[in-house]
C-alpha cells in the first residue's frame, strides 16, 4: 500500500505555488479559484498522458477502452476549461508536474495485469478527488464561468469514477483467480 502513489495526493502537492502565482499575477480570479483551475488542469493533463501510456501498456481491453476515454474526454475538458478561464492570466501546464511524472515513471515500469491494477486504482483515486473538487467549486467558487464549468463537468467525472471502479474490480478479481 505505501508503495502505491495516489493521484489523490498528487494534485495537492506541487501545484500550490503555481496556483498562488497565477492568482497573484492574473485577472480577477480568487486564489481559491486559481488554485482549483491549476489543479484540475494538472490532473486533466495527467489523465491524458497516463491514458496514452495505458493504451500502450495495458493488457485488458477494458483498461485500454477506459484509457482511450480518458484521452478523449480529458482533452475536451481541458479545452473547455481554457474557454471558461477566458482572459484570466493562467499558466497552463504543458508537462506533467513532479508527482504526476513520478506516477507515470512508476507505471511505465509495469506491464500486463500489474499495470492494469495499478493504473485503474490510480484512476479510481484520482476521480474521487477530482469529483470532490468539482463539487466544491460548483457550490462555492466565486468565478461564474468556472463554477458553470465545474457543474457541467462533474457528471462526466462521476461517470468516469463509476466506470473506473467497475474496471478496477474486474482487473483485481481476474488476477486473483489466476
N, C-alpha and C. Protein backbone atom coordinates (compact mmCIF):
# COMPACT_ATOMS: atom_id res chain seq x y z
N UNK A 1 0.81 -1.21 0.00
CA UNK A 1 0.00 0.00 0.00
C UNK A 1 0.85 1.26 0.00
N UNK A 2 1.91 1.29 0.83
CA UNK A 2 2.69 2.51 0.91
C UNK A 2 3.44 2.78 -0.39
N UNK A 3 3.69 1.74 -1.19
CA UNK A 3 4.37 1.94 -2.46
C UNK A 3 3.45 2.56 -3.51
N UNK A 4 2.16 2.40 -3.34
CA UNK A 4 1.20 2.95 -4.31
C UNK A 4 1.14 4.47 -4.15
N UNK A 5 1.34 5.15 -5.24
CA UNK A 5 1.24 6.61 -5.23
C UNK A 5 -0.17 6.96 -5.63
N UNK A 6 -0.83 7.70 -4.82
CA UNK A 6 -2.22 8.05 -5.08
C UNK A 6 -2.31 9.34 -5.88
N UNK A 7 -3.08 9.29 -6.95
CA UNK A 7 -3.33 10.50 -7.73
C UNK A 7 -4.04 11.53 -6.85
N UNK A 8 -4.77 11.05 -5.84
CA UNK A 8 -5.47 11.95 -4.93
C UNK A 8 -4.50 12.91 -4.26
N UNK A 9 -3.35 12.39 -3.85
CA UNK A 9 -2.37 13.23 -3.17
C UNK A 9 -1.55 14.04 -4.15
N UNK A 10 -1.48 13.59 -5.37
CA UNK A 10 -0.59 14.21 -6.34
C UNK A 10 -0.93 15.67 -6.62
N UNK A 11 -2.18 15.96 -6.87
CA UNK A 11 -2.55 17.32 -7.27
C UNK A 11 -2.32 18.34 -6.17
N UNK A 12 -2.44 17.91 -4.93
CA UNK A 12 -2.30 18.84 -3.81
C UNK A 12 -0.86 19.32 -3.66
N UNK A 13 0.09 18.49 -4.09
CA UNK A 13 1.49 18.82 -3.95
C UNK A 13 1.98 19.42 -5.26
N UNK A 14 2.79 20.40 -5.22
CA UNK A 14 3.42 20.90 -6.43
C UNK A 14 2.66 22.00 -7.15
N UNK A 15 1.35 21.94 -7.17
CA UNK A 15 0.58 22.94 -7.89
C UNK A 15 0.23 24.13 -6.99
N UNK A 16 0.42 23.99 -5.70
CA UNK A 16 0.04 25.03 -4.75
C UNK A 16 0.74 26.35 -5.08
N UNK A 17 2.05 26.29 -5.28
CA UNK A 17 2.76 27.53 -5.55
C UNK A 17 2.39 28.10 -6.92
N UNK A 18 2.18 27.25 -7.91
CA UNK A 18 1.74 27.73 -9.21
C UNK A 18 0.40 28.42 -9.12
N UNK A 19 -0.48 27.86 -8.33
CA UNK A 19 -1.81 28.44 -8.19
C UNK A 19 -1.74 29.83 -7.58
N UNK A 20 -0.92 29.97 -6.53
CA UNK A 20 -0.79 31.27 -5.92
C UNK A 20 -0.15 32.26 -6.89
N UNK A 21 0.81 31.80 -7.67
CA UNK A 21 1.43 32.66 -8.66
C UNK A 21 0.42 33.12 -9.70
N UNK A 22 -0.43 32.22 -10.14
CA UNK A 22 -1.45 32.58 -11.13
C UNK A 22 -2.44 33.57 -10.55
N UNK A 23 -2.82 33.34 -9.31
CA UNK A 23 -3.80 34.23 -8.69
C UNK A 23 -3.22 35.62 -8.49
N UNK A 24 -1.98 35.67 -8.06
CA UNK A 24 -1.38 36.96 -7.79
C UNK A 24 -1.11 37.71 -9.09
N UNK A 25 -0.74 36.96 -10.14
CA UNK A 25 -0.33 37.61 -11.37
C UNK A 25 -1.51 37.97 -12.27
N UNK A 26 -2.61 37.26 -12.14
CA UNK A 26 -3.58 37.45 -13.20
C UNK A 26 -4.98 37.70 -12.79
N UNK A 27 -5.59 38.55 -13.57
CA UNK A 27 -7.02 38.74 -13.59
C UNK A 27 -7.68 38.89 -12.25
N UNK A 28 -8.97 38.56 -12.25
CA UNK A 28 -9.77 38.77 -11.05
C UNK A 28 -10.13 37.46 -10.36
N UNK A 29 -9.47 36.37 -10.74
CA UNK A 29 -9.77 35.11 -10.07
C UNK A 29 -9.30 35.17 -8.63
N UNK A 30 -10.12 34.61 -7.76
CA UNK A 30 -9.68 34.49 -6.38
C UNK A 30 -8.56 33.47 -6.32
N UNK A 31 -7.80 33.48 -5.25
CA UNK A 31 -6.73 32.49 -5.09
C UNK A 31 -7.30 31.08 -5.09
N UNK A 32 -8.44 30.91 -4.47
CA UNK A 32 -9.08 29.60 -4.41
C UNK A 32 -9.47 29.12 -5.81
N UNK A 33 -10.07 29.98 -6.61
CA UNK A 33 -10.46 29.61 -7.97
C UNK A 33 -9.23 29.34 -8.83
N UNK A 34 -8.20 30.16 -8.70
CA UNK A 34 -6.97 29.95 -9.47
C UNK A 34 -6.31 28.63 -9.08
N UNK A 35 -6.30 28.33 -7.80
CA UNK A 35 -5.72 27.07 -7.32
C UNK A 35 -6.51 25.89 -7.89
N UNK A 36 -7.82 25.98 -7.84
CA UNK A 36 -8.67 24.93 -8.40
C UNK A 36 -8.37 24.74 -9.88
N UNK A 37 -8.30 25.84 -10.62
CA UNK A 37 -8.07 25.75 -12.05
C UNK A 37 -6.72 25.10 -12.35
N UNK A 38 -5.70 25.48 -11.63
CA UNK A 38 -4.38 24.89 -11.82
C UNK A 38 -4.40 23.39 -11.51
N UNK A 39 -5.05 23.02 -10.44
CA UNK A 39 -5.08 21.61 -10.05
C UNK A 39 -5.84 20.75 -11.05
N UNK A 40 -7.00 21.22 -11.50
CA UNK A 40 -7.75 20.40 -12.45
C UNK A 40 -7.07 20.37 -13.81
N UNK A 41 -6.36 21.43 -14.16
CA UNK A 41 -5.60 21.41 -15.41
C UNK A 41 -4.46 20.39 -15.31
N UNK A 42 -3.76 20.37 -14.18
CA UNK A 42 -2.68 19.39 -13.99
C UNK A 42 -3.24 17.96 -13.97
N UNK A 43 -4.36 17.78 -13.30
CA UNK A 43 -4.98 16.46 -13.25
C UNK A 43 -5.44 16.03 -14.64
N UNK A 44 -6.04 16.95 -15.38
CA UNK A 44 -6.51 16.63 -16.73
C UNK A 44 -5.38 16.25 -17.65
N UNK A 45 -4.29 17.01 -17.60
CA UNK A 45 -3.13 16.69 -18.41
C UNK A 45 -2.59 15.30 -18.04
N UNK A 46 -2.55 15.01 -16.74
CA UNK A 46 -2.08 13.70 -16.29
C UNK A 46 -3.00 12.59 -16.79
N UNK A 47 -4.31 12.81 -16.77
CA UNK A 47 -5.24 11.79 -17.27
C UNK A 47 -4.98 11.49 -18.74
N UNK A 48 -4.71 12.53 -19.52
CA UNK A 48 -4.43 12.35 -20.95
C UNK A 48 -3.13 11.56 -21.12
N UNK A 49 -2.08 11.99 -20.45
CA UNK A 49 -0.78 11.33 -20.60
C UNK A 49 -0.80 9.89 -20.08
N UNK A 50 -1.41 9.68 -18.93
CA UNK A 50 -1.50 8.33 -18.37
C UNK A 50 -2.40 7.44 -19.24
N UNK A 51 -3.42 8.03 -19.83
CA UNK A 51 -4.29 7.29 -20.74
C UNK A 51 -3.52 6.81 -21.97
N UNK A 52 -2.65 7.67 -22.48
CA UNK A 52 -1.82 7.28 -23.63
C UNK A 52 -0.87 6.14 -23.24
N UNK A 53 -0.31 6.24 -22.04
CA UNK A 53 0.57 5.19 -21.55
C UNK A 53 -0.20 3.87 -21.40
N UNK A 54 -1.41 3.95 -20.86
CA UNK A 54 -2.23 2.75 -20.66
C UNK A 54 -2.60 2.10 -21.98
N UNK A 55 -2.81 2.89 -23.00
CA UNK A 55 -3.13 2.32 -24.30
C UNK A 55 -1.97 1.46 -24.82
N UNK A 56 -0.77 1.81 -24.44
CA UNK A 56 0.41 1.05 -24.86
C UNK A 56 0.69 -0.14 -23.96
N UNK A 57 0.47 0.01 -22.63
CA UNK A 57 0.95 -0.98 -21.68
C UNK A 57 -0.12 -1.91 -21.11
N UNK A 58 -1.37 -1.53 -21.19
CA UNK A 58 -2.42 -2.34 -20.58
C UNK A 58 -2.59 -3.66 -21.32
N UNK A 59 -2.99 -4.67 -20.57
CA UNK A 59 -3.26 -5.97 -21.20
C UNK A 59 -4.76 -6.20 -21.37
N UNK A 60 -5.56 -5.55 -20.56
CA UNK A 60 -7.01 -5.72 -20.61
C UNK A 60 -7.63 -4.78 -21.64
N UNK A 61 -8.52 -5.32 -22.45
CA UNK A 61 -9.24 -4.48 -23.42
C UNK A 61 -10.08 -3.43 -22.70
N UNK A 62 -10.65 -3.79 -21.55
CA UNK A 62 -11.46 -2.83 -20.79
C UNK A 62 -10.60 -1.66 -20.31
N UNK A 63 -9.39 -1.95 -19.88
CA UNK A 63 -8.47 -0.89 -19.43
C UNK A 63 -8.09 -0.01 -20.62
N UNK A 64 -7.82 -0.61 -21.76
CA UNK A 64 -7.46 0.16 -22.95
C UNK A 64 -8.62 1.06 -23.40
N UNK A 65 -9.85 0.54 -23.35
CA UNK A 65 -11.02 1.35 -23.70
C UNK A 65 -11.19 2.51 -22.72
N UNK A 66 -11.01 2.22 -21.43
CA UNK A 66 -11.11 3.27 -20.42
C UNK A 66 -10.04 4.34 -20.68
N UNK A 67 -8.83 3.89 -20.99
CA UNK A 67 -7.73 4.83 -21.23
C UNK A 67 -8.03 5.73 -22.43
N UNK A 68 -8.61 5.18 -23.48
CA UNK A 68 -8.96 6.00 -24.65
C UNK A 68 -10.01 7.03 -24.27
N UNK A 69 -10.97 6.62 -23.45
CA UNK A 69 -11.99 7.56 -22.99
C UNK A 69 -11.33 8.68 -22.18
N UNK A 70 -10.32 8.37 -21.37
CA UNK A 70 -9.62 9.39 -20.59
C UNK A 70 -8.94 10.39 -21.52
N UNK A 71 -8.28 9.91 -22.55
CA UNK A 71 -7.61 10.79 -23.50
C UNK A 71 -8.63 11.70 -24.17
N UNK A 72 -9.70 11.12 -24.68
CA UNK A 72 -10.71 11.89 -25.41
C UNK A 72 -11.43 12.89 -24.51
N UNK A 73 -11.97 12.40 -23.39
CA UNK A 73 -12.80 13.25 -22.54
C UNK A 73 -11.99 14.32 -21.81
N UNK A 74 -10.79 13.98 -21.36
CA UNK A 74 -10.00 14.97 -20.63
C UNK A 74 -9.36 16.00 -21.56
N UNK A 75 -9.09 15.62 -22.79
CA UNK A 75 -8.64 16.62 -23.76
C UNK A 75 -9.74 17.65 -23.99
N UNK A 76 -10.97 17.17 -24.16
CA UNK A 76 -12.11 18.07 -24.35
C UNK A 76 -12.34 18.93 -23.11
N UNK A 77 -12.27 18.32 -21.93
CA UNK A 77 -12.49 19.07 -20.69
C UNK A 77 -11.44 20.16 -20.51
N UNK A 78 -10.19 19.88 -20.87
CA UNK A 78 -9.14 20.90 -20.78
C UNK A 78 -9.41 22.05 -21.74
N UNK A 79 -9.85 21.72 -22.95
CA UNK A 79 -10.20 22.78 -23.90
C UNK A 79 -11.35 23.64 -23.37
N UNK A 80 -12.35 22.99 -22.78
CA UNK A 80 -13.48 23.72 -22.20
C UNK A 80 -13.05 24.58 -21.02
N UNK A 81 -12.12 24.05 -20.22
CA UNK A 81 -11.61 24.81 -19.07
C UNK A 81 -10.89 26.06 -19.54
N UNK A 82 -10.11 25.93 -20.60
CA UNK A 82 -9.40 27.10 -21.13
C UNK A 82 -10.40 28.15 -21.60
N UNK A 83 -11.50 27.71 -22.19
CA UNK A 83 -12.55 28.65 -22.59
C UNK A 83 -13.19 29.32 -21.38
N UNK A 84 -13.44 28.53 -20.35
CA UNK A 84 -14.03 29.08 -19.12
C UNK A 84 -13.10 30.07 -18.44
N UNK A 85 -11.80 29.87 -18.61
CA UNK A 85 -10.82 30.77 -17.99
C UNK A 85 -10.85 32.14 -18.62
N UNK A 86 -11.31 32.18 -19.87
CA UNK A 86 -11.42 33.48 -20.54
C UNK A 86 -10.12 34.22 -20.59
N UNK A 87 -10.13 35.44 -20.12
CA UNK A 87 -8.96 36.30 -20.18
C UNK A 87 -8.12 36.25 -18.92
N UNK A 88 -8.47 35.40 -17.97
CA UNK A 88 -7.66 35.30 -16.76
C UNK A 88 -6.26 34.83 -17.11
N UNK A 89 -5.30 35.41 -16.46
CA UNK A 89 -3.90 35.11 -16.74
C UNK A 89 -3.50 33.84 -15.99
N UNK A 90 -3.74 32.69 -16.63
CA UNK A 90 -3.43 31.40 -16.02
C UNK A 90 -2.30 30.75 -16.80
N UNK A 91 -1.33 30.22 -16.09
CA UNK A 91 -0.26 29.46 -16.72
C UNK A 91 -0.71 28.01 -16.82
N UNK A 92 -0.90 27.54 -18.05
CA UNK A 92 -1.38 26.18 -18.28
C UNK A 92 -0.23 25.21 -18.29
N UNK A 93 -0.39 24.08 -17.60
CA UNK A 93 0.69 23.09 -17.62
C UNK A 93 0.81 22.46 -19.01
N UNK A 94 2.05 22.25 -19.43
CA UNK A 94 2.31 21.60 -20.71
C UNK A 94 3.05 20.28 -20.53
N UNK A 95 3.55 20.07 -19.32
CA UNK A 95 4.20 18.81 -18.98
C UNK A 95 3.69 18.38 -17.61
N UNK A 96 3.89 17.12 -17.30
CA UNK A 96 3.46 16.61 -16.00
C UNK A 96 4.25 17.27 -14.89
N UNK A 97 3.58 17.58 -13.79
CA UNK A 97 4.28 18.09 -12.63
C UNK A 97 5.08 16.93 -12.01
N UNK A 98 5.89 17.22 -11.03
CA UNK A 98 6.81 16.21 -10.46
C UNK A 98 6.09 14.97 -9.95
N UNK A 99 4.98 15.15 -9.26
CA UNK A 99 4.29 14.00 -8.69
C UNK A 99 3.60 13.15 -9.75
N UNK A 100 2.98 13.80 -10.73
CA UNK A 100 2.37 13.03 -11.83
C UNK A 100 3.46 12.32 -12.64
N UNK A 101 4.61 12.97 -12.80
CA UNK A 101 5.73 12.35 -13.51
C UNK A 101 6.21 11.11 -12.76
N UNK A 102 6.26 11.21 -11.44
CA UNK A 102 6.68 10.07 -10.63
C UNK A 102 5.72 8.89 -10.82
N UNK A 103 4.43 9.18 -10.83
CA UNK A 103 3.43 8.14 -11.06
C UNK A 103 3.60 7.54 -12.46
N UNK A 104 3.76 8.39 -13.46
CA UNK A 104 3.95 7.93 -14.82
C UNK A 104 5.19 7.05 -14.94
N UNK A 105 6.27 7.47 -14.32
CA UNK A 105 7.51 6.69 -14.36
C UNK A 105 7.32 5.33 -13.69
N UNK A 106 6.62 5.32 -12.57
CA UNK A 106 6.37 4.05 -11.86
C UNK A 106 5.50 3.13 -12.71
N UNK A 107 4.44 3.67 -13.30
CA UNK A 107 3.57 2.86 -14.15
C UNK A 107 4.31 2.37 -15.39
N UNK A 108 5.22 3.17 -15.92
CA UNK A 108 5.98 2.79 -17.11
C UNK A 108 6.80 1.52 -16.90
N UNK A 109 7.16 1.27 -15.66
CA UNK A 109 7.97 0.09 -15.34
C UNK A 109 7.13 -1.18 -15.19
N UNK A 110 5.82 -1.02 -15.18
CA UNK A 110 4.92 -2.16 -15.01
C UNK A 110 4.41 -2.62 -16.37
N UNK A 111 3.88 -3.83 -16.39
CA UNK A 111 3.25 -4.33 -17.61
C UNK A 111 2.17 -5.33 -17.25
N UNK A 112 1.35 -5.64 -18.24
CA UNK A 112 0.33 -6.67 -18.08
C UNK A 112 -0.65 -6.37 -16.95
N UNK A 113 -1.01 -7.43 -16.25
CA UNK A 113 -2.02 -7.32 -15.20
C UNK A 113 -1.57 -6.39 -14.07
N UNK A 114 -0.28 -6.36 -13.78
CA UNK A 114 0.23 -5.45 -12.74
C UNK A 114 0.00 -4.01 -13.12
N UNK A 115 0.26 -3.68 -14.39
CA UNK A 115 -0.01 -2.33 -14.87
C UNK A 115 -1.50 -2.04 -14.76
N UNK A 116 -2.33 -2.96 -15.23
CA UNK A 116 -3.78 -2.75 -15.22
C UNK A 116 -4.27 -2.43 -13.81
N UNK A 117 -3.84 -3.20 -12.84
CA UNK A 117 -4.29 -2.99 -11.46
C UNK A 117 -3.86 -1.62 -10.92
N UNK A 118 -2.60 -1.27 -11.11
CA UNK A 118 -2.10 -0.01 -10.57
C UNK A 118 -2.70 1.20 -11.29
N UNK A 119 -2.82 1.12 -12.60
CA UNK A 119 -3.40 2.22 -13.37
C UNK A 119 -4.86 2.43 -12.95
N UNK A 120 -5.62 1.35 -12.87
CA UNK A 120 -7.04 1.51 -12.55
C UNK A 120 -7.23 2.00 -11.12
N UNK A 121 -6.39 1.56 -10.20
CA UNK A 121 -6.51 2.08 -8.83
C UNK A 121 -6.21 3.57 -8.81
N UNK A 122 -5.20 3.99 -9.56
CA UNK A 122 -4.89 5.43 -9.65
C UNK A 122 -6.06 6.20 -10.25
N UNK A 123 -6.75 5.60 -11.22
CA UNK A 123 -7.91 6.26 -11.84
C UNK A 123 -9.06 6.40 -10.85
N UNK A 124 -9.30 5.38 -10.04
CA UNK A 124 -10.35 5.47 -9.02
C UNK A 124 -9.99 6.57 -8.02
N UNK A 125 -8.78 6.53 -7.50
CA UNK A 125 -8.36 7.53 -6.50
C UNK A 125 -8.42 8.94 -7.07
N UNK A 126 -7.91 9.11 -8.27
CA UNK A 126 -7.89 10.44 -8.89
C UNK A 126 -9.27 10.99 -9.17
N UNK A 127 -10.16 10.13 -9.67
CA UNK A 127 -11.51 10.61 -9.99
C UNK A 127 -12.33 10.91 -8.73
N UNK A 128 -12.07 10.22 -7.64
CA UNK A 128 -12.73 10.57 -6.37
C UNK A 128 -12.32 11.97 -5.95
N UNK A 129 -11.03 12.26 -6.05
CA UNK A 129 -10.53 13.57 -5.65
C UNK A 129 -11.07 14.67 -6.55
N UNK A 130 -11.02 14.44 -7.87
CA UNK A 130 -11.48 15.46 -8.81
C UNK A 130 -12.99 15.70 -8.67
N UNK A 131 -13.76 14.63 -8.47
CA UNK A 131 -15.21 14.80 -8.28
C UNK A 131 -15.48 15.67 -7.05
N UNK A 132 -14.76 15.42 -5.97
CA UNK A 132 -14.94 16.23 -4.76
C UNK A 132 -14.56 17.69 -5.02
N UNK A 133 -13.46 17.90 -5.74
CA UNK A 133 -13.02 19.26 -6.07
C UNK A 133 -14.04 19.98 -6.94
N UNK A 134 -14.57 19.29 -7.95
CA UNK A 134 -15.57 19.89 -8.83
C UNK A 134 -16.85 20.23 -8.06
N UNK A 135 -17.27 19.32 -7.20
CA UNK A 135 -18.47 19.56 -6.40
C UNK A 135 -18.29 20.81 -5.54
N UNK A 136 -17.13 20.91 -4.90
CA UNK A 136 -16.86 22.06 -4.04
C UNK A 136 -16.82 23.36 -4.85
N UNK A 137 -16.14 23.33 -6.00
CA UNK A 137 -16.05 24.54 -6.83
C UNK A 137 -17.42 24.95 -7.36
N UNK A 138 -18.22 23.97 -7.76
CA UNK A 138 -19.54 24.29 -8.31
C UNK A 138 -20.45 24.92 -7.26
N UNK A 139 -20.18 24.64 -6.01
CA UNK A 139 -21.00 25.20 -4.92
C UNK A 139 -20.44 26.48 -4.33
N UNK A 140 -19.11 26.58 -4.26
CA UNK A 140 -18.55 27.72 -3.52
C UNK A 140 -17.52 28.54 -4.30
N UNK A 141 -17.34 28.25 -5.58
CA UNK A 141 -16.43 29.08 -6.37
C UNK A 141 -16.97 30.48 -6.52
N UNK A 142 -16.08 31.42 -6.82
CA UNK A 142 -16.53 32.81 -6.94
C UNK A 142 -16.61 33.28 -8.38
N UNK A 143 -15.95 32.60 -9.31
CA UNK A 143 -15.99 32.96 -10.72
C UNK A 143 -17.16 32.22 -11.39
N UNK A 144 -18.09 32.94 -11.96
CA UNK A 144 -19.31 32.34 -12.52
C UNK A 144 -19.01 31.35 -13.65
N UNK A 145 -18.07 31.68 -14.54
CA UNK A 145 -17.74 30.78 -15.64
C UNK A 145 -17.09 29.49 -15.14
N UNK A 146 -16.23 29.62 -14.16
CA UNK A 146 -15.55 28.47 -13.59
C UNK A 146 -16.53 27.58 -12.83
N UNK A 147 -17.44 28.20 -12.10
CA UNK A 147 -18.48 27.42 -11.40
C UNK A 147 -19.34 26.66 -12.40
N UNK A 148 -19.71 27.32 -13.49
CA UNK A 148 -20.53 26.67 -14.52
C UNK A 148 -19.77 25.51 -15.14
N UNK A 149 -18.48 25.70 -15.41
CA UNK A 149 -17.68 24.61 -15.98
C UNK A 149 -17.61 23.43 -15.01
N UNK A 150 -17.40 23.72 -13.73
CA UNK A 150 -17.34 22.66 -12.73
C UNK A 150 -18.66 21.90 -12.66
N UNK A 151 -19.76 22.62 -12.68
CA UNK A 151 -21.08 21.97 -12.63
C UNK A 151 -21.33 21.11 -13.87
N UNK A 152 -20.90 21.61 -15.03
CA UNK A 152 -21.10 20.88 -16.28
C UNK A 152 -20.19 19.65 -16.36
N UNK A 153 -19.01 19.72 -15.80
CA UNK A 153 -18.01 18.66 -15.89
C UNK A 153 -18.22 17.57 -14.85
N UNK A 154 -18.80 17.90 -13.71
CA UNK A 154 -18.98 16.95 -12.61
C UNK A 154 -19.68 15.65 -13.02
N UNK A 155 -20.80 15.67 -13.75
CA UNK A 155 -21.45 14.40 -14.11
C UNK A 155 -20.56 13.47 -14.94
N UNK A 156 -19.74 14.04 -15.80
CA UNK A 156 -18.82 13.22 -16.60
C UNK A 156 -17.77 12.58 -15.70
N UNK A 157 -17.23 13.34 -14.78
CA UNK A 157 -16.21 12.80 -13.87
C UNK A 157 -16.83 11.72 -12.97
N UNK A 158 -18.06 11.95 -12.52
CA UNK A 158 -18.73 10.92 -11.71
C UNK A 158 -18.96 9.65 -12.52
N UNK A 159 -19.30 9.79 -13.80
CA UNK A 159 -19.46 8.62 -14.67
C UNK A 159 -18.12 7.91 -14.86
N UNK A 160 -17.05 8.69 -15.02
CA UNK A 160 -15.71 8.09 -15.13
C UNK A 160 -15.38 7.32 -13.87
N UNK A 161 -15.70 7.89 -12.72
CA UNK A 161 -15.42 7.22 -11.44
C UNK A 161 -16.14 5.88 -11.37
N UNK A 162 -17.42 5.87 -11.71
CA UNK A 162 -18.18 4.61 -11.66
C UNK A 162 -17.58 3.57 -12.60
N UNK A 163 -17.21 4.01 -13.80
CA UNK A 163 -16.61 3.07 -14.74
C UNK A 163 -15.24 2.62 -14.26
N UNK A 164 -14.46 3.52 -13.70
CA UNK A 164 -13.14 3.16 -13.17
C UNK A 164 -13.28 2.13 -12.05
N UNK A 165 -14.27 2.33 -11.18
CA UNK A 165 -14.49 1.37 -10.09
C UNK A 165 -14.86 0.00 -10.65
N UNK A 166 -15.70 -0.03 -11.67
CA UNK A 166 -16.10 -1.30 -12.28
C UNK A 166 -14.91 -2.01 -12.92
N UNK A 167 -14.15 -1.29 -13.72
CA UNK A 167 -12.98 -1.90 -14.37
C UNK A 167 -11.95 -2.30 -13.32
N UNK A 168 -11.77 -1.47 -12.29
CA UNK A 168 -10.82 -1.79 -11.22
C UNK A 168 -11.18 -3.10 -10.54
N UNK A 169 -12.47 -3.29 -10.24
CA UNK A 169 -12.90 -4.54 -9.62
C UNK A 169 -12.63 -5.73 -10.55
N UNK A 170 -12.87 -5.52 -11.83
CA UNK A 170 -12.65 -6.59 -12.81
C UNK A 170 -11.17 -6.98 -12.87
N UNK A 171 -10.28 -6.00 -12.96
CA UNK A 171 -8.85 -6.34 -13.08
C UNK A 171 -8.31 -6.93 -11.80
N UNK A 172 -8.86 -6.53 -10.66
CA UNK A 172 -8.41 -7.11 -9.39
C UNK A 172 -8.96 -8.52 -9.20
N UNK A 173 -10.20 -8.75 -9.59
CA UNK A 173 -10.77 -10.09 -9.40
C UNK A 173 -10.23 -11.08 -10.41
N UNK A 174 -9.96 -10.64 -11.63
CA UNK A 174 -9.46 -11.58 -12.65
C UNK A 174 -8.04 -12.03 -12.33
N UNK A 175 -7.26 -11.17 -11.71
CA UNK A 175 -5.88 -11.58 -11.37
C UNK A 175 -5.85 -12.38 -10.09
N UNK A 176 -6.85 -12.23 -9.25
CA UNK A 176 -6.90 -13.00 -8.01
C UNK A 176 -7.23 -14.46 -8.27
N UNK A 177 -7.91 -14.72 -9.37
CA UNK A 177 -8.33 -16.10 -9.66
C UNK A 177 -7.36 -16.83 -10.58
N UNK A 178 -6.33 -16.12 -11.07
CA UNK A 178 -5.38 -16.77 -11.99
C UNK A 178 -4.10 -17.12 -11.32
